[in-house]
Amino acid sequence: MLQRIWLFLLTNIAVIVVISIVFFILDRVFGINLSGQWAGYLPMFIGAAVIWFVWAFISLFISKWSAKRAYKITPITPEQVSELNEKEKVVWTVVEELAERNHIKMPEVGIYQSDEPNAFATGATKNSSLVAVSTGLLDTMDKGAIEGVVGHEMAHILNGDMVTMTLLQWVVNTFVVFAARILANIFDNVTDGKFGGLWYFAVNILLQIVFGIFASLITMWFSRHREFKADAGSARFVWKEKMIAWLKALQTMQDRMWKDNPKMASMQISSQKKWWIKAFFSSHPALEDRIAALEELRI
């Protein structure tokens, strides 16, 4: 929780510093004084913050419900555990053991139909979460690799990644909208409004798109960062050899799938090294980087 609050504060401080620098340059270099307009911008900022806060946390709190319906997941009940096959029991057992060890409520566990070897965790809180794995993952991975996958998803839950990403997305979206409105207002003032409301609206939307693209660099960087942390967490939970075995198995499969069909990349990541620009916009690190980080990890 302290790490999430620290990240939240750092992000806000960074944005405030950037805005202050922009205001200074506009005032001293271009002669545009925004200080007198601050009383008008403050309600704008508060409005953007409230709207995006509500939207972000509604999305968070319905994330588990949405995932169940999108992937047609029916959670496994304790009464059904005895009917599971060996690999399905591995999923249940790892989730149960890690939940008990870390003193959280047992997450819901679900299996969904998909040929892709995939898995994910979602939910609003640690005590209201879901771990889901695909039939494709169970069919193609051995028990040790499955333990690594489930440990990785449980690490996301225990690290509070869903809440952290929601907070980060809220802050980023708020300032994207706020900065776009400020610059759109500057454009409108400089041109004396002669282009009309339609141009103001168009400039505002264009700026939100541009700022949104740059803001995604922040969220994607943090997403990659949390993948490394989840890998390390899983390595501590279920042995790093199992994590490495999973990633290498996934790498082999993806290399084969990429060669057969470049559009196919299970788990939305490519094991091939990305061009540097594309890498900045990727939510997952390259598999070879994740494997290398685990091999260097000391437990």
Protein backbone atom coordinates (compact mmCIF):
# COMPACT_ATOMS: atom_id res chain seq x y z
CA MET A 1 0.00 0.00 0.00
CA LEU A 2 2.84 2.42 0.88
CA GLN A 3 4.51 1.71 -2.48
CA ARG A 4 1.25 2.45 -4.32
CA ILE A 5 0.76 5.68 -2.39
CA TRP A 6 4.40 6.66 -3.07
CA LEU A 7 3.98 6.00 -6.79
CA PHE A 8 0.75 8.02 -6.77
CA LEU A 9 2.43 10.96 -5.04
CA LEU A 10 5.50 10.85 -7.29
CA THR A 11 3.32 10.86 -10.38
CA ASN A 12 1.36 13.86 -9.12
CA ILE A 13 4.52 15.72 -8.13
CA ALA A 14 6.08 15.06 -11.53
CA VAL A 15 3.01 16.33 -13.35
CA ILE A 16 2.81 19.43 -11.16
CA VAL A 17 6.49 20.18 -11.81
CA VAL A 18 6.00 19.79 -15.57
CA ILE A 19 2.93 22.04 -15.58
CA SER A 20 4.80 24.64 -13.49
CA ILE A 21 7.67 24.63 -16.00
CA VAL A 22 5.23 24.99 -18.89
CA PHE A 23 3.49 27.91 -17.16
CA PHE A 24 6.87 29.58 -16.51
CA ILE A 25 7.97 29.23 -20.15
CA LEU A 26 4.64 30.48 -21.47
CA ASP A 27 4.78 33.49 -19.13
CA ARG A 28 8.47 34.48 -19.48
CA VAL A 29 9.11 33.46 -23.10
CA PHE A 30 5.78 33.92 -24.85
CA GLY A 31 4.16 36.47 -22.56
CA ILE A 32 1.12 34.29 -21.89
CA ASN A 33 0.15 34.66 -18.23
CA LEU A 34 -2.03 31.84 -17.00
CA SER A 35 -1.89 32.72 -13.29
CA GLY A 36 -4.88 34.97 -13.55
CA GLN A 37 -6.81 32.23 -15.25
CA TRP A 38 -6.03 29.65 -12.53
CA ALA A 39 -9.37 30.20 -10.78
CA GLY A 40 -11.04 29.07 -14.00
CA TYR A 41 -8.71 26.12 -14.53
CA LEU A 42 -9.09 24.75 -11.01
CA PRO A 43 -12.74 23.69 -11.44
CA MET A 44 -11.73 22.21 -14.81
CA PHE A 45 -9.00 20.15 -13.12
CA ILE A 46 -11.27 19.02 -10.30
CA GLY A 47 -13.97 18.05 -12.79
CA ALA A 48 -11.55 15.99 -14.87
CA ALA A 49 -10.16 14.30 -11.74
CA VAL A 50 -13.63 13.39 -10.43
CA ILE A 51 -14.87 12.08 -13.78
CA TRP A 52 -11.81 9.91 -14.39
CA PHE A 53 -11.75 8.73 -10.76
CA VAL A 54 -15.33 7.49 -11.01
CA TRP A 55 -14.72 5.91 -14.40
CA ALA A 56 -11.46 4.20 -13.32
CA PHE A 57 -12.85 2.68 -10.17
CA ILE A 58 -16.12 1.59 -11.75
CA SER A 59 -13.99 -0.25 -14.31
CA LEU A 60 -11.92 -1.78 -11.51
CA PHE A 61 -14.88 -2.94 -9.47
CA ILE A 62 -16.61 -4.57 -12.44
CA SER A 63 -13.38 -6.06 -13.83
CA LYS A 64 -13.98 -9.52 -12.37
CA TRP A 65 -17.61 -9.53 -13.50
CA SER A 66 -16.59 -8.38 -16.99
CA ALA A 67 -13.84 -11.00 -17.29
CA LYS A 68 -16.18 -13.82 -16.32
CA ARG A 69 -18.63 -12.86 -19.05
CA ALA A 70 -16.07 -12.00 -21.70
CA TYR A 71 -14.27 -15.34 -21.33
CA LYS A 72 -17.32 -17.34 -20.22
CA ILE A 73 -15.62 -18.33 -16.98
CA THR A 74 -17.45 -20.36 -14.38
CA PRO A 75 -15.49 -20.33 -11.11
CA ILE A 76 -14.65 -23.69 -9.58
CA THR A 77 -16.32 -24.37 -6.23
CA PRO A 78 -14.62 -26.29 -3.38
CA GLU A 79 -17.09 -29.13 -3.95
CA GLN A 80 -15.84 -29.53 -7.53
CA VAL A 81 -12.14 -29.84 -6.64
CA SER A 82 -12.28 -33.63 -6.35
CA GLU A 83 -13.59 -33.79 -9.93
CA LEU A 84 -10.70 -31.77 -11.42
CA ASN A 85 -7.97 -33.40 -13.48
CA GLU A 86 -4.35 -33.32 -12.27
CA LYS A 87 -3.37 -30.07 -13.97
CA GLU A 88 -6.54 -28.27 -12.92
CA LYS A 89 -5.85 -29.36 -9.33
CA VAL A 90 -2.38 -27.81 -9.60
CA VAL A 91 -4.01 -24.46 -10.38
CA TRP A 92 -6.39 -24.73 -7.44
CA THR A 93 -3.70 -25.93 -5.02
CA VAL A 94 -1.21 -23.16 -5.82
CA VAL A 95 -3.89 -20.46 -5.47
CA GLU A 96 -5.12 -21.96 -2.20
CA GLU A 97 -1.64 -22.36 -0.70
CA LEU A 98 -0.48 -18.86 -1.62
CA ALA A 99 -3.73 -17.31 -0.37
CA GLU A 100 -3.36 -19.07 2.98
CA ARG A 101 0.36 -18.26 3.25
CA ASN A 102 -0.29 -14.56 2.61
CA HIS A 103 -3.47 -14.36 4.70
CA ILE A 104 -5.87 -13.25 2.00
CA LYS A 105 -9.26 -14.59 1.05
CA MET A 106 -9.11 -17.44 -1.46
CA PRO A 107 -9.42 -15.92 -4.95
CA GLU A 108 -11.93 -17.43 -7.31
CA VAL A 109 -10.37 -19.93 -9.70
CA GLY A 110 -11.70 -20.49 -13.20
CA ILE A 111 -10.86 -22.39 -16.37
CA TYR A 112 -11.95 -21.03 -19.74
CA GLN A 113 -11.93 -22.48 -23.25
CA SER A 114 -9.17 -21.11 -25.47
CA ASP A 115 -6.42 -22.66 -27.58
CA GLU A 116 -4.02 -19.88 -26.53
CA PRO A 117 -1.80 -20.72 -23.53
CA ASN A 118 -2.99 -17.81 -21.45
CA ALA A 119 -3.73 -16.82 -17.86
CA PHE A 120 -4.71 -13.65 -16.03
CA ALA A 121 -5.71 -12.26 -12.65
CA THR A 122 -8.23 -9.52 -12.01
CA GLY A 123 -10.41 -8.10 -9.29
CA ALA A 124 -10.90 -4.93 -7.26
CA THR A 125 -8.99 -6.05 -4.16
CA LYS A 126 -6.75 -8.85 -2.93
CA ASN A 127 -9.74 -10.35 -1.13
CA SER A 128 -12.03 -10.13 -4.15
CA SER A 129 -9.99 -11.47 -7.01
CA LEU A 130 -10.01 -14.07 -9.76
CA VAL A 131 -7.31 -16.27 -11.27
CA ALA A 132 -8.23 -17.74 -14.65
CA VAL A 133 -6.26 -20.08 -16.90
CA SER A 134 -7.02 -21.28 -20.40
CA THR A 135 -7.47 -24.86 -21.51
CA GLY A 136 -4.70 -24.20 -24.02
CA LEU A 137 -2.27 -23.48 -21.21
CA LEU A 138 -3.26 -26.63 -19.34
CA ASP A 139 -2.93 -28.73 -22.50
CA THR A 140 0.53 -27.45 -23.48
CA MET A 141 2.33 -26.86 -20.15
CA ASP A 142 3.63 -29.38 -17.63
CA LYS A 143 2.77 -29.16 -13.93
CA GLY A 144 5.90 -27.21 -12.97
CA ALA A 145 5.29 -24.58 -15.63
CA ILE A 146 1.64 -24.29 -14.59
CA GLU A 147 2.75 -23.62 -11.02
CA GLY A 148 4.98 -20.85 -12.34
CA VAL A 149 2.12 -19.28 -14.30
CA VAL A 150 -0.30 -19.38 -11.38
CA GLY A 151 2.38 -18.05 -9.01
CA HIS A 152 2.92 -15.15 -11.41
CA GLU A 153 -0.79 -14.28 -11.43
CA MET A 154 -1.00 -14.60 -7.65
CA ALA A 155 1.97 -12.23 -7.37
CA HIS A 156 -0.03 -9.66 -9.36
CA ILE A 157 -2.85 -10.00 -6.82
CA LEU A 158 -0.57 -9.89 -3.77
CA ASN A 159 1.31 -6.88 -5.17
CA GLY A 160 -1.97 -5.02 -5.61
CA ASP A 161 -1.21 -4.41 -9.28
CA MET A 162 -4.83 -3.95 -10.34
CA VAL A 163 -5.39 -1.11 -7.86
CA THR A 164 -2.02 0.45 -8.67
CA MET A 165 -2.69 0.47 -12.40
CA THR A 166 -6.11 1.99 -11.77
CA LEU A 167 -4.61 4.81 -9.69
CA LEU A 168 -1.93 5.45 -12.28
CA GLN A 169 -4.42 5.44 -15.14
CA TRP A 170 -6.66 7.85 -13.23
CA VAL A 171 -3.84 10.34 -12.67
CA VAL A 172 -2.58 10.08 -16.24
CA ASN A 173 -6.03 10.47 -17.82
CA THR A 174 -6.86 13.42 -15.58
CA PHE A 175 -3.79 15.35 -16.63
CA VAL A 176 -4.17 14.41 -20.28
CA VAL A 177 -7.62 16.00 -20.32
CA PHE A 178 -6.53 18.97 -18.19
CA ALA A 179 -3.41 19.78 -20.23
CA ALA A 180 -5.32 19.45 -23.49
CA ARG A 181 -8.00 21.87 -22.29
CA ILE A 182 -5.40 24.41 -21.17
CA LEU A 183 -3.59 24.40 -24.50
CA ALA A 184 -6.88 24.46 -26.39
CA ASN A 185 -7.86 27.54 -24.39
CA ILE A 186 -4.50 29.14 -25.20
CA PHE A 187 -5.09 28.43 -28.89
CA ASP A 188 -8.55 29.98 -28.61
CA ASN A 189 -7.20 33.08 -26.81
CA VAL A 190 -4.26 33.60 -29.18
CA THR A 191 -6.57 33.39 -32.20
CA ASP A 192 -9.21 35.57 -30.45
CA GLY A 193 -11.72 32.76 -30.97
CA LYS A 194 -12.01 33.56 -34.66
CA PHE A 195 -11.89 29.89 -35.62
CA GLY A 196 -15.03 29.17 -33.62
CA GLY A 197 -16.09 26.44 -31.23
CA LEU A 198 -15.65 23.62 -33.74
CA TRP A 199 -11.94 24.34 -34.12
CA TYR A 200 -11.55 24.60 -30.35
CA PHE A 201 -13.18 21.20 -29.98
CA ALA A 202 -11.01 19.69 -32.73
CA VAL A 203 -7.79 21.07 -31.20
CA ASN A 204 -8.83 19.81 -27.78
CA ILE A 205 -9.49 16.28 -29.06
CA LEU A 206 -6.27 16.25 -31.11
CA LEU A 207 -4.23 17.31 -28.08
CA GLN A 208 -5.88 14.64 -25.92
CA ILE A 209 -4.91 12.01 -28.48
CA VAL A 210 -1.31 13.25 -28.66
CA PHE A 211 -0.95 13.55 -24.88
CA GLY A 212 -2.68 10.20 -24.46
CA ILE A 213 -0.06 8.55 -26.65
CA PHE A 214 2.76 10.01 -24.58
CA ALA A 215 0.93 9.19 -21.34
CA SER A 216 0.71 5.56 -22.42
CA LEU A 217 4.51 5.46 -22.22
CA ILE A 218 4.15 5.90 -18.46
CA THR A 219 1.51 3.21 -18.04
CA MET A 220 3.30 0.76 -20.32
CA TRP A 221 6.59 1.32 -18.49
CA PHE A 222 4.91 0.53 -15.20
CA SER A 223 3.15 -2.48 -16.72
CA ARG A 224 6.52 -3.88 -17.81
CA HIS A 225 7.94 -3.12 -14.38
CA ARG A 226 5.15 -5.01 -12.63
CA GLU A 227 5.65 -8.03 -14.91
CA PHE A 228 9.24 -8.31 -13.70
CA LYS A 229 8.03 -7.99 -10.11
CA ALA A 230 5.37 -10.65 -10.62
CA ASP A 231 7.97 -12.97 -12.15
CA ALA A 232 10.20 -12.44 -9.11
CA GLY A 233 7.26 -13.01 -6.77
CA SER A 234 6.36 -16.25 -8.49
CA ALA A 235 9.99 -17.36 -8.38
CA ARG A 236 9.93 -16.92 -4.60
CA PHE A 237 6.58 -18.65 -4.26
CA VAL A 238 7.13 -21.74 -6.45
CA TRP A 239 10.89 -21.78 -7.27
CA LYS A 240 12.43 -19.72 -10.00
CA GLU A 241 13.31 -22.84 -12.04
CA LYS A 242 9.60 -23.40 -12.63
CA MET A 243 9.15 -19.81 -13.74
CA ILE A 244 12.09 -20.06 -16.13
CA ALA A 245 10.74 -23.37 -17.48
CA TRP A 246 7.36 -21.73 -18.16
CA LEU A 247 8.84 -18.73 -19.92
CA LYS A 248 11.15 -20.89 -22.04
CA ALA A 249 8.24 -23.16 -23.00
CA LEU A 250 6.19 -20.10 -23.91
CA GLN A 251 9.12 -18.70 -25.87
CA THR A 252 9.42 -21.93 -27.88
CA MET A 253 5.71 -21.94 -28.65
CA GLN A 254 5.66 -18.29 -29.62
CA ASP A 255 8.68 -18.65 -31.87
CA ARG A 256 6.86 -21.43 -33.67
CA MET A 257 3.54 -19.54 -33.80
CA TRP A 258 5.30 -16.36 -34.97
CA LYS A 259 7.03 -18.25 -37.74
CA ASP A 260 3.78 -19.90 -38.87
CA ASN A 261 1.66 -16.76 -38.48
CA PRO A 262 3.17 -13.42 -37.34
CA LYS A 263 -0.26 -12.23 -36.22
CA MET A 264 -0.48 -14.99 -33.64
CA ALA A 265 1.25 -14.22 -30.35
CA SER A 266 -0.23 -15.91 -27.30
CA MET A 267 -0.58 -13.89 -24.11
CA GLN A 268 -0.28 -10.71 -26.20
CA ILE A 269 3.53 -10.71 -26.05
CA SER A 270 6.16 -11.64 -28.57
CA SER A 271 9.26 -13.53 -27.65
CA GLN A 272 11.16 -11.71 -30.35
CA LYS A 273 13.11 -8.58 -29.50
CA LYS A 274 11.06 -5.49 -30.35
CA TRP A 275 12.27 -2.38 -32.11
CA TRP A 276 13.05 0.26 -29.52
CA ILE A 277 10.01 2.42 -30.28
CA LYS A 278 7.64 -0.54 -30.19
CA ALA A 279 9.25 -1.75 -26.97
CA PHE A 280 8.31 1.50 -25.21
CA PHE A 281 4.62 0.89 -26.00
CA SER A 282 4.63 -2.80 -25.00
CA SER A 283 2.81 -3.87 -21.83
CA HIS A 284 5.10 -6.90 -21.40
CA PRO A 285 8.90 -7.15 -21.54
CA ALA A 286 10.47 -9.44 -24.11
CA LEU A 287 10.60 -13.03 -22.90
CA GLU A 288 14.38 -13.21 -23.14
CA ASP A 289 14.63 -10.18 -20.83
CA ARG A 290 12.30 -11.79 -18.31
CA ILE A 291 14.26 -15.04 -18.42
CA ALA A 292 17.56 -13.18 -17.99
CA ALA A 293 16.17 -11.25 -14.99
CA LEU A 294 15.07 -14.50 -13.34
CA GLU A 295 18.39 -16.19 -13.98
CA GLU A 296 20.13 -13.30 -12.20
CA LEU A 297 17.59 -13.23 -9.36
CA ARG A 298 18.97 -14.23 -5.98
CA ILE A 299 16.47 -15.86 -3.65
